[in-house]
N, C-alpha and C. Protein backbone atom coordinates (compact mmCIF):
# COMPACT_ATOMS: atom_id res chain seq x y z
N MET A 1 -102.19 226.62 14.45
CA MET A 1 -100.85 226.66 14.67
C MET A 1 -101.30 227.76 15.46
N THR A 2 -100.18 227.90 16.59
CA THR A 2 -100.28 229.20 17.51
C THR A 2 -98.63 229.83 17.37
N ILE A 3 -99.63 230.77 16.68
CA ILE A 3 -98.15 232.51 17.15
C ILE A 3 -97.56 232.92 18.21
N ILE A 4 -96.84 232.34 18.56
CA ILE A 4 -96.13 232.99 20.19
C ILE A 4 -94.83 234.29 19.85
N THR A 5 -94.57 234.76 20.88
CA THR A 5 -93.59 235.98 21.09
C THR A 5 -92.52 234.50 21.86
N LYS A 6 -91.50 235.86 21.52
CA LYS A 6 -90.17 235.96 22.75
C LYS A 6 -90.32 234.89 23.94
N GLN A 7 -90.88 236.08 24.54
CA GLN A 7 -91.37 236.38 25.59
C GLN A 7 -91.89 235.02 25.90
N GLU A 8 -92.68 234.66 24.85
CA GLU A 8 -93.76 233.45 24.96
C GLU A 8 -92.83 232.19 25.12
N LEU A 9 -91.97 231.94 23.83
CA LEU A 9 -91.13 231.16 23.58
C LEU A 9 -90.14 230.15 24.80
N LEU A 10 -89.98 231.69 25.47
CA LEU A 10 -89.14 231.85 27.15
C LEU A 10 -89.31 230.79 27.80
N GLU A 11 -91.14 230.88 27.95
CA GLU A 11 -91.52 230.42 29.53
C GLU A 11 -92.25 228.74 29.25
N LEU A 12 -92.72 228.76 27.39
CA LEU A 12 -92.15 227.54 27.10
C LEU A 12 -91.35 226.34 27.47
N GLN A 13 -89.87 227.23 27.07
CA GLN A 13 -89.02 226.63 27.26
C GLN A 13 -88.60 225.92 27.95
N LYS A 14 -89.56 225.88 29.15
CA LYS A 14 -89.32 225.58 30.75
C LYS A 14 -89.68 224.18 31.29
N ASP A 15 -90.37 224.49 29.92
CA ASP A 15 -91.14 222.78 30.43
C ASP A 15 -90.42 222.20 29.27
N PRO A 16 -90.10 220.91 29.70
CA PRO A 16 -89.35 220.12 29.56
C PRO A 16 -90.32 218.77 28.14
N GLN A 17 -91.59 219.13 28.69
CA GLN A 17 -92.13 218.38 27.27
C GLN A 17 -92.13 218.85 25.69
N ASN A 18 -91.80 220.40 26.11
CA ASN A 18 -91.86 221.44 24.64
C ASN A 18 -90.54 220.79 24.05
N PHE A 19 -90.87 221.19 22.61
CA PHE A 19 -89.70 220.14 21.85
C PHE A 19 -89.79 221.41 21.45
N VAL A 20 -88.61 222.54 21.17
CA VAL A 20 -88.26 223.67 20.00
C VAL A 20 -87.29 223.06 18.79
N PHE A 21 -87.71 223.66 17.90
CA PHE A 21 -87.11 223.25 16.31
C PHE A 21 -86.69 224.32 15.88
N ASP A 22 -85.25 224.37 15.28
CA ASP A 22 -84.91 224.64 14.03
C ASP A 22 -84.98 224.77 12.56
N VAL A 23 -86.11 225.32 12.26
CA VAL A 23 -86.35 224.66 10.99
C VAL A 23 -85.51 225.52 9.91
N ARG A 24 -84.23 225.99 10.11
CA ARG A 24 -83.86 226.55 9.19
C ARG A 24 -82.39 225.26 8.30
N GLU A 25 -82.32 225.75 7.09
CA GLU A 25 -81.14 224.69 6.85
C GLU A 25 -79.70 224.29 7.70
N GLU A 26 -78.55 223.54 7.79
CA GLU A 26 -77.72 223.33 9.10
C GLU A 26 -76.54 224.36 8.75
N ASP A 27 -76.83 224.82 7.64
CA ASP A 27 -75.20 226.14 8.10
C ASP A 27 -75.67 226.85 8.53
N GLU A 28 -77.27 227.52 8.30
CA GLU A 28 -77.30 228.74 9.28
C GLU A 28 -77.17 228.03 10.76
N TYR A 29 -77.92 226.65 11.71
CA TYR A 29 -78.52 226.51 12.59
C TYR A 29 -77.05 226.85 13.27
N GLU A 30 -75.54 226.36 11.93
CA GLU A 30 -74.32 226.26 12.69
C GLU A 30 -73.48 227.57 13.28
N GLN A 31 -74.44 228.23 12.72
CA GLN A 31 -73.92 230.15 13.08
C GLN A 31 -74.47 230.24 14.40
N GLY A 32 -75.70 229.84 14.61
CA GLY A 32 -76.35 230.54 16.03
C GLY A 32 -77.77 229.33 15.55
N HIS A 33 -77.70 229.34 17.12
CA HIS A 33 -79.08 228.56 16.71
C HIS A 33 -80.02 228.71 19.03
N ILE A 34 -80.82 229.07 18.97
CA ILE A 34 -81.73 229.12 20.11
C ILE A 34 -81.10 228.17 20.87
N PRO A 35 -80.70 227.96 21.94
CA PRO A 35 -80.74 226.57 23.83
C PRO A 35 -81.29 226.33 23.05
N GLN A 36 -81.42 224.30 22.81
CA GLN A 36 -81.72 223.97 23.70
C GLN A 36 -82.80 222.85 21.88
N ALA A 37 -83.06 224.39 20.84
CA ALA A 37 -83.16 224.19 19.92
C ALA A 37 -82.44 222.75 18.81
N ILE A 38 -83.57 222.03 18.22
CA ILE A 38 -83.32 220.77 18.06
C ILE A 38 -83.59 220.83 16.31
N LEU A 39 -82.19 221.12 15.64
CA LEU A 39 -82.69 221.01 14.01
C LEU A 39 -83.65 219.92 12.76
N ALA A 40 -84.31 220.71 13.17
CA ALA A 40 -84.85 219.40 11.39
C ALA A 40 -85.67 220.50 10.30
N PRO A 41 -84.41 220.69 9.21
CA PRO A 41 -84.69 221.53 8.25
C PRO A 41 -86.37 221.81 8.00
N TRP A 42 -86.99 222.68 7.78
CA TRP A 42 -88.80 222.42 7.22
C TRP A 42 -89.02 221.33 5.93
N HIS A 43 -87.50 221.08 4.80
CA HIS A 43 -88.30 220.44 4.23
C HIS A 43 -88.34 219.48 4.26
N SER A 44 -87.56 218.73 5.51
CA SER A 44 -87.68 217.11 5.36
C SER A 44 -88.51 217.16 7.68
N ILE A 45 -88.82 218.20 7.83
CA ILE A 45 -90.19 217.98 8.93
C ILE A 45 -90.46 216.68 9.12
N ILE A 46 -91.43 216.88 8.13
CA ILE A 46 -92.66 215.48 7.62
C ILE A 46 -91.34 214.05 8.77
N GLU A 47 -90.20 213.43 8.44
CA GLU A 47 -89.36 212.45 8.45
C GLU A 47 -89.31 212.73 9.58
N ARG A 48 -88.23 214.31 10.38
CA ARG A 48 -87.76 214.33 11.86
C ARG A 48 -88.37 214.36 13.14
N MET A 49 -90.22 213.96 12.41
CA MET A 49 -91.14 213.56 13.19
C MET A 49 -91.47 212.67 12.92
N ALA A 50 -91.20 211.04 12.85
CA ALA A 50 -91.29 209.89 13.05
C ALA A 50 -90.93 209.45 14.26
N GLY A 51 -92.10 209.01 14.27
CA GLY A 51 -91.84 208.92 16.54
C GLY A 51 -92.53 209.44 17.41
N VAL A 52 -93.00 210.51 17.12
CA VAL A 52 -93.19 211.53 17.86
C VAL A 52 -94.80 212.09 17.88
N LYS A 53 -95.36 211.55 18.70
CA LYS A 53 -96.95 211.41 18.76
C LYS A 53 -96.88 213.41 18.78
N PRO A 54 -98.50 213.49 18.11
CA PRO A 54 -99.12 213.86 17.60
C PRO A 54 -99.26 215.29 18.25
N GLN A 55 -99.19 214.70 19.51
CA GLN A 55 -99.98 215.18 20.18
C GLN A 55 -99.23 217.13 21.03
N THR A 56 -97.89 216.38 20.73
CA THR A 56 -96.18 216.42 21.07
C THR A 56 -96.22 218.20 21.65
N PRO A 57 -96.15 219.46 22.64
CA PRO A 57 -95.82 220.50 21.89
C PRO A 57 -94.61 221.19 21.41
N ILE A 58 -94.70 221.41 20.19
CA ILE A 58 -93.59 221.35 19.18
C ILE A 58 -93.72 222.64 18.81
N ILE A 59 -92.39 223.47 19.36
CA ILE A 59 -92.76 225.03 18.63
C ILE A 59 -91.40 225.05 17.40
N LEU A 60 -91.68 225.43 16.36
CA LEU A 60 -91.35 226.13 15.27
C LEU A 60 -90.13 227.34 15.15
N TYR A 61 -89.02 227.26 14.63
CA TYR A 61 -88.58 229.47 13.84
C TYR A 61 -87.58 228.36 13.35
N CYS A 62 -87.64 229.60 11.82
CA CYS A 62 -86.40 229.89 11.24
C CYS A 62 -86.12 231.55 11.38
N ASN A 63 -85.11 231.52 10.00
CA ASN A 63 -85.43 232.73 10.55
C ASN A 63 -85.85 234.48 11.02
N THR A 64 -87.69 234.50 10.13
CA THR A 64 -88.07 235.28 10.39
C THR A 64 -89.31 234.49 10.83
N GLY A 65 -90.07 233.16 10.35
CA GLY A 65 -91.08 232.89 10.51
C GLY A 65 -91.79 232.04 9.44
N ILE A 66 -90.82 232.69 8.23
CA ILE A 66 -91.78 232.25 6.62
C ILE A 66 -91.26 230.43 6.86
N ARG A 67 -90.49 229.81 6.73
CA ARG A 67 -90.25 228.83 6.09
C ARG A 67 -91.30 228.55 7.75
N ALA A 68 -91.06 228.64 9.06
CA ALA A 68 -91.34 227.72 10.34
C ALA A 68 -93.39 227.43 9.92
N GLN A 69 -93.77 228.39 9.10
CA GLN A 69 -95.07 228.58 8.67
C GLN A 69 -95.56 226.99 8.30
N LYS A 70 -94.29 227.32 7.24
CA LYS A 70 -94.71 226.28 6.12
C LYS A 70 -94.37 224.93 6.71
N ALA A 71 -93.67 224.24 7.57
CA ALA A 71 -93.54 223.56 8.04
C ALA A 71 -94.45 223.48 9.70
N ALA A 72 -95.26 224.33 10.16
CA ALA A 72 -96.38 223.85 11.05
C ALA A 72 -98.04 223.65 10.35
N LYS A 73 -97.85 223.95 8.59
CA LYS A 73 -98.78 223.70 7.74
C LYS A 73 -98.87 222.25 7.82
N MET A 74 -97.85 221.84 7.33
CA MET A 74 -96.95 220.46 6.63
C MET A 74 -97.01 219.92 7.94
N LEU A 75 -97.29 219.75 9.43
CA LEU A 75 -97.79 219.33 10.63
C LEU A 75 -98.76 219.13 10.51
N GLU A 76 -99.80 220.45 10.49
CA GLU A 76 -101.30 220.51 10.82
C GLU A 76 -101.39 219.52 10.00
N ASP A 77 -101.38 218.83 8.87
CA ASP A 77 -101.57 218.58 7.42
C ASP A 77 -101.48 216.68 8.16
N LYS A 78 -100.91 216.58 8.52
CA LYS A 78 -100.80 215.02 9.07
C LYS A 78 -101.06 214.78 10.76
N ASN A 79 -101.71 215.99 11.09
CA ASN A 79 -102.81 216.06 11.97
C ASN A 79 -102.19 216.29 13.62
N PHE A 80 -101.10 216.69 13.64
CA PHE A 80 -100.21 217.67 14.88
C PHE A 80 -100.82 218.74 15.43
N THR A 81 -101.32 218.78 16.44
CA THR A 81 -102.11 219.15 16.63
C THR A 81 -101.59 221.00 18.09
N ASN A 82 -100.38 220.12 18.53
CA ASN A 82 -99.98 221.21 19.34
C ASN A 82 -98.61 221.36 18.99
N VAL A 83 -98.79 222.42 17.26
CA VAL A 83 -97.69 223.85 16.89
C VAL A 83 -98.02 224.63 16.93
N SER A 84 -96.78 225.44 17.39
CA SER A 84 -96.61 226.72 17.81
C SER A 84 -95.72 227.06 17.00
N VAL A 85 -95.21 228.52 16.26
CA VAL A 85 -94.37 229.30 15.27
C VAL A 85 -93.96 230.35 16.52
N TYR A 86 -92.42 230.56 16.88
CA TYR A 86 -92.16 232.13 17.08
C TYR A 86 -91.47 232.46 16.07
N ARG A 87 -92.50 233.68 15.99
CA ARG A 87 -92.71 234.03 13.95
C ARG A 87 -90.93 235.33 14.10
N GLY A 88 -91.07 235.37 15.12
CA GLY A 88 -89.53 236.52 14.77
C GLY A 88 -88.46 235.84 14.45
N GLY A 89 -88.45 234.52 15.24
CA GLY A 89 -87.63 234.13 15.08
C GLY A 89 -86.16 234.65 15.35
N TRP A 90 -85.09 233.63 14.48
CA TRP A 90 -83.68 233.79 15.66
C TRP A 90 -83.28 235.14 15.00
N GLU A 91 -84.01 236.30 14.20
CA GLU A 91 -83.69 237.90 13.46
C GLU A 91 -83.90 238.19 15.53
N ASP A 92 -85.11 237.65 15.42
CA ASP A 92 -86.13 238.30 16.94
C ASP A 92 -85.28 238.49 18.13
N TRP A 93 -84.56 236.86 17.85
CA TRP A 93 -83.44 236.06 19.21
C TRP A 93 -82.48 237.26 19.73
N ASN A 94 -82.10 237.31 18.54
CA ASN A 94 -80.35 237.96 18.36
C ASN A 94 -80.71 239.45 18.84
N ASN A 95 -81.98 239.78 18.58
CA ASN A 95 -81.80 241.16 19.29
C ASN A 95 -82.34 241.56 20.57
């Protein structure tokens, strides 16, 4: 798992092969989310990744980074090799 900054996330978003997943709950996502982010609550991240190749670049975020790190660990345990976490999360994005 790689920890990334807001600036790094902005750069990574320029490449359409990078997928950004919001691992918060649906109500949090509906209140606001990073543009182009796909909702995938952390507790169902494995099911949400069905059919995604393990080498696909995946960027995860939540509100502050805790749930995203849990989700990243779950993905790494399933042999996903290109997982990043935007540690500042939604709180940082809004500031």
